[in-house]
Amino acid sequence: MIILASRSPRRIELLTKAGYKFKIVPALGEEKTRFKKPAAMVRDLALKKAFEVAVQYPAETVAGADTLVFCKGRVIGKPKNAAHALEILKLLNNSWQTVYTGVAIINLDKKKLFTGVAKTRCKARRLTDAQLKKLAGKHLDKAGGYAVQDEDDMLIEKIAGSRTNVVGMPMELFKKMTGEFK
């Protein structure tokens, strides 16, 4: 049994489909990091989330995760509103980007901690301003303001690497990490 320190519907769906048994106890702390590089940022934030919940459940194995998009030298998280989403989508339009997800799994009583980062390259289609406006604001709860798993979301044209990472939980990495707790 794992505790997921997240209420992300995508992470919940991916773990459920993969057959994991888990309880949801979302981390509520502020998502701030001192790191500037994307991989270090997501690793740090995933660890903070996992640790916040692990101190409440020291005998349990807790998993935290954090995802961001990196494009043209900019770190992109969740849009603040529809106007911000449109700004992000214009930046991503017809461009390659990298999706980073940090995963941290911790069990305090067993003194075990594993962290990892998955990195996936994605190419966005060239969309018209009208198409971008239609898409803007639809996915305000997702890094980059888009959802590759949504059939109506046509932004991403190619994925080089883990598709589940782009959705929000790199299942290949997660499976490998949880295997260390058996």
Protein backbone atom coordinates (compact mmCIF):
# COMPACT_ATOMS: atom_id res chain seq x y z
CA MET A 1 0.00 0.00 0.00
CA ILE A 2 1.31 3.42 -1.01
CA ILE A 3 0.18 6.88 0.02
CA LEU A 4 0.00 9.27 -2.92
CA ALA A 5 0.84 12.82 -1.80
CA SER A 6 -1.23 14.25 -4.66
CA ARG A 7 -4.83 14.69 -5.69
CA SER A 8 -3.98 14.89 -9.40
CA PRO A 9 -6.70 13.06 -11.32
CA ARG A 10 -4.12 12.03 -13.93
CA ARG A 11 -1.77 10.47 -11.39
CA ILE A 12 -4.67 8.72 -9.69
CA GLU A 13 -5.87 7.34 -13.03
CA LEU A 14 -2.41 6.14 -14.10
CA LEU A 15 -1.73 4.38 -10.77
CA THR A 16 -5.20 2.82 -10.76
CA LYS A 17 -4.82 1.53 -14.34
CA ALA A 18 -1.44 0.05 -13.40
CA GLY A 19 -3.07 -1.87 -10.53
CA TYR A 20 -1.47 -0.04 -7.60
CA LYS A 21 -3.26 0.01 -4.25
CA PHE A 22 -2.96 3.45 -2.71
CA LYS A 23 -4.48 6.02 -0.44
CA ILE A 24 -4.63 9.71 -1.33
CA VAL A 25 -3.25 12.22 1.19
CA PRO A 26 -2.39 15.36 -0.78
CA ALA A 27 0.53 17.52 0.27
CA LEU A 28 -0.73 21.02 0.99
CA GLY A 29 2.54 22.95 1.34
CA GLU A 30 3.57 25.80 -0.89
CA GLU A 31 5.32 24.70 -4.10
CA LYS A 32 8.54 26.69 -3.90
CA THR A 33 12.07 25.62 -4.69
CA ARG A 34 15.43 27.36 -4.66
CA PHE A 35 16.60 25.41 -7.71
CA LYS A 36 16.62 26.92 -11.21
CA LYS A 37 17.21 23.88 -13.43
CA PRO A 38 14.04 21.96 -14.37
CA ALA A 39 15.23 18.50 -13.28
CA ALA A 40 16.39 19.79 -9.89
CA MET A 41 13.16 21.76 -9.44
CA VAL A 42 10.83 18.79 -9.97
CA ARG A 43 12.99 16.45 -7.87
CA ASP A 44 13.01 18.97 -5.00
CA LEU A 45 9.27 19.63 -5.15
CA ALA A 46 8.42 15.91 -5.38
CA LEU A 47 10.60 15.26 -2.33
CA LYS A 48 9.02 18.11 -0.36
CA LYS A 49 5.53 16.77 -1.11
CA ALA A 50 6.44 13.20 -0.19
CA PHE A 51 8.23 14.26 3.00
CA GLU A 52 5.35 16.52 4.12
CA VAL A 53 2.99 13.53 4.07
CA ALA A 54 5.58 10.98 5.28
CA VAL A 55 6.08 12.80 8.60
CA GLN A 56 2.35 12.22 9.25
CA TYR A 57 2.61 8.53 8.24
CA PRO A 58 6.19 7.42 9.09
CA ALA A 59 5.42 3.69 8.79
CA GLU A 60 3.90 4.06 5.32
CA THR A 61 5.51 4.38 1.90
CA VAL A 62 4.67 7.78 0.44
CA ALA A 63 5.05 8.93 -3.17
CA GLY A 64 5.23 12.55 -4.30
CA ALA A 65 5.53 13.92 -7.82
CA ASP A 66 5.86 17.22 -9.61
CA THR A 67 5.69 18.05 -13.33
CA LEU A 68 6.72 21.05 -15.38
CA VAL A 69 7.32 21.97 -19.02
CA PHE A 70 10.53 23.59 -20.26
CA CYS A 71 10.52 25.43 -23.57
CA LYS A 72 12.77 28.11 -25.10
CA GLY A 73 14.65 28.54 -21.83
CA ARG A 74 11.48 29.04 -19.78
CA VAL A 75 10.08 26.91 -16.96
CA ILE A 76 6.34 26.54 -17.43
CA GLY A 77 3.98 25.36 -14.73
CA LYS A 78 0.21 25.59 -14.53
CA PRO A 79 -1.39 28.66 -16.10
CA LYS A 80 -2.88 31.23 -13.70
CA ASN A 81 -5.89 31.96 -15.93
CA ALA A 82 -7.08 31.71 -19.55
CA ALA A 83 -5.02 34.72 -20.69
CA HIS A 84 -1.86 33.21 -19.17
CA ALA A 85 -2.74 29.86 -20.78
CA LEU A 86 -2.95 31.56 -24.19
CA GLU A 87 0.46 33.17 -23.63
CA ILE A 88 1.93 29.75 -22.74
CA LEU A 89 0.30 28.00 -25.70
CA LYS A 90 1.65 30.65 -28.09
CA LEU A 91 5.15 30.01 -26.71
CA LEU A 92 4.75 26.24 -27.14
CA ASN A 93 3.09 26.50 -30.57
CA ASN A 94 5.09 24.63 -33.26
CA SER A 95 7.99 24.11 -30.82
CA TRP A 96 9.87 21.29 -29.17
CA GLN A 97 9.62 21.26 -25.39
CA THR A 98 10.69 18.97 -22.56
CA VAL A 99 8.35 17.67 -19.88
CA TYR A 100 10.06 16.89 -16.57
CA THR A 101 8.49 14.91 -13.74
CA GLY A 102 10.22 14.37 -10.44
CA VAL A 103 9.20 11.40 -8.32
CA ALA A 104 10.11 10.82 -4.68
CA ILE A 105 9.22 7.72 -2.69
CA ILE A 106 9.96 7.63 1.01
CA ASN A 107 9.39 5.43 4.04
CA LEU A 108 10.74 7.08 7.18
CA ASP A 109 10.55 4.04 9.48
CA LYS A 110 12.45 1.89 6.95
CA LYS A 111 14.89 4.77 6.33
CA LYS A 112 14.37 4.43 2.58
CA LEU A 113 14.25 7.26 0.09
CA PHE A 114 14.45 7.17 -3.69
CA THR A 115 14.11 10.08 -6.08
CA GLY A 116 14.16 10.20 -9.83
CA VAL A 117 13.38 12.44 -12.77
CA ALA A 118 11.82 11.52 -16.09
CA LYS A 119 12.36 13.69 -19.13
CA THR A 120 10.24 13.50 -22.31
CA ARG A 121 10.54 15.61 -25.44
CA CYS A 122 7.33 16.74 -27.16
CA LYS A 123 6.67 18.62 -30.37
CA ALA A 124 3.66 20.91 -30.53
CA ARG A 125 1.75 21.31 -33.77
CA ARG A 126 1.48 24.66 -35.46
CA LEU A 127 -1.99 25.87 -34.49
CA THR A 128 -3.80 28.99 -35.63
CA ASP A 129 -4.56 31.82 -33.21
CA ALA A 130 -8.22 30.73 -33.24
CA GLN A 131 -7.27 27.14 -32.33
CA LEU A 132 -4.97 28.36 -29.55
CA LYS A 133 -7.72 30.61 -28.15
CA LYS A 134 -10.14 27.67 -28.14
CA LEU A 135 -7.61 25.54 -26.25
CA ALA A 136 -6.56 28.28 -23.78
CA GLY A 137 -8.18 27.98 -20.39
CA LYS A 138 -9.32 24.42 -20.96
CA HIS A 139 -6.49 22.88 -18.91
CA LEU A 140 -5.62 25.38 -16.20
CA ASP A 141 -4.72 22.57 -13.78
CA LYS A 142 -1.95 21.15 -16.00
CA ALA A 143 1.64 22.21 -16.54
CA GLY A 144 1.87 23.81 -19.97
CA GLY A 145 -1.88 24.36 -20.18
CA TYR A 146 -2.54 21.29 -22.33
CA ALA A 147 -3.52 17.64 -21.85
CA VAL A 148 -2.03 15.04 -24.18
CA GLN A 149 -4.50 12.45 -22.81
CA ASP A 150 -7.51 14.59 -23.86
CA GLU A 151 -8.69 13.49 -27.32
CA ASP A 152 -9.92 17.04 -28.03
CA ASP A 153 -6.51 18.53 -27.24
CA MET A 154 -4.60 18.63 -30.51
CA LEU A 155 -1.50 20.55 -29.35
CA ILE A 156 1.06 17.75 -29.16
CA GLU A 157 2.11 16.19 -32.46
CA LYS A 158 5.02 13.94 -31.39
CA ILE A 159 6.26 12.40 -28.15
CA ALA A 160 9.83 11.14 -27.80
CA GLY A 161 9.93 9.19 -24.55
CA SER A 162 7.43 8.31 -21.84
CA ARG A 163 3.85 9.29 -22.68
CA THR A 164 2.80 8.73 -19.05
CA ASN A 165 5.43 11.28 -18.02
CA VAL A 166 3.70 13.88 -20.20
CA VAL A 167 0.41 12.95 -18.49
CA GLY A 168 2.00 13.50 -15.06
CA MET A 169 3.47 10.26 -13.68
CA PRO A 170 6.25 8.39 -15.49
CA MET A 171 4.99 4.88 -14.80
CA GLU A 172 8.21 3.19 -15.97
CA LEU A 173 10.23 5.15 -13.40
CA PHE A 174 7.54 4.76 -10.72
CA LYS A 175 7.45 0.98 -11.15
CA LYS A 176 11.24 0.75 -10.91
CA MET A 177 11.31 2.93 -7.78
CA THR A 178 8.50 1.13 -5.97
CA GLY A 179 10.30 -2.16 -6.65
CA GLU A 180 13.03 -0.92 -4.28
CA PHE A 181 10.52 -1.05 -1.39
CA LYS A 182 9.67 -4.74 -1.65
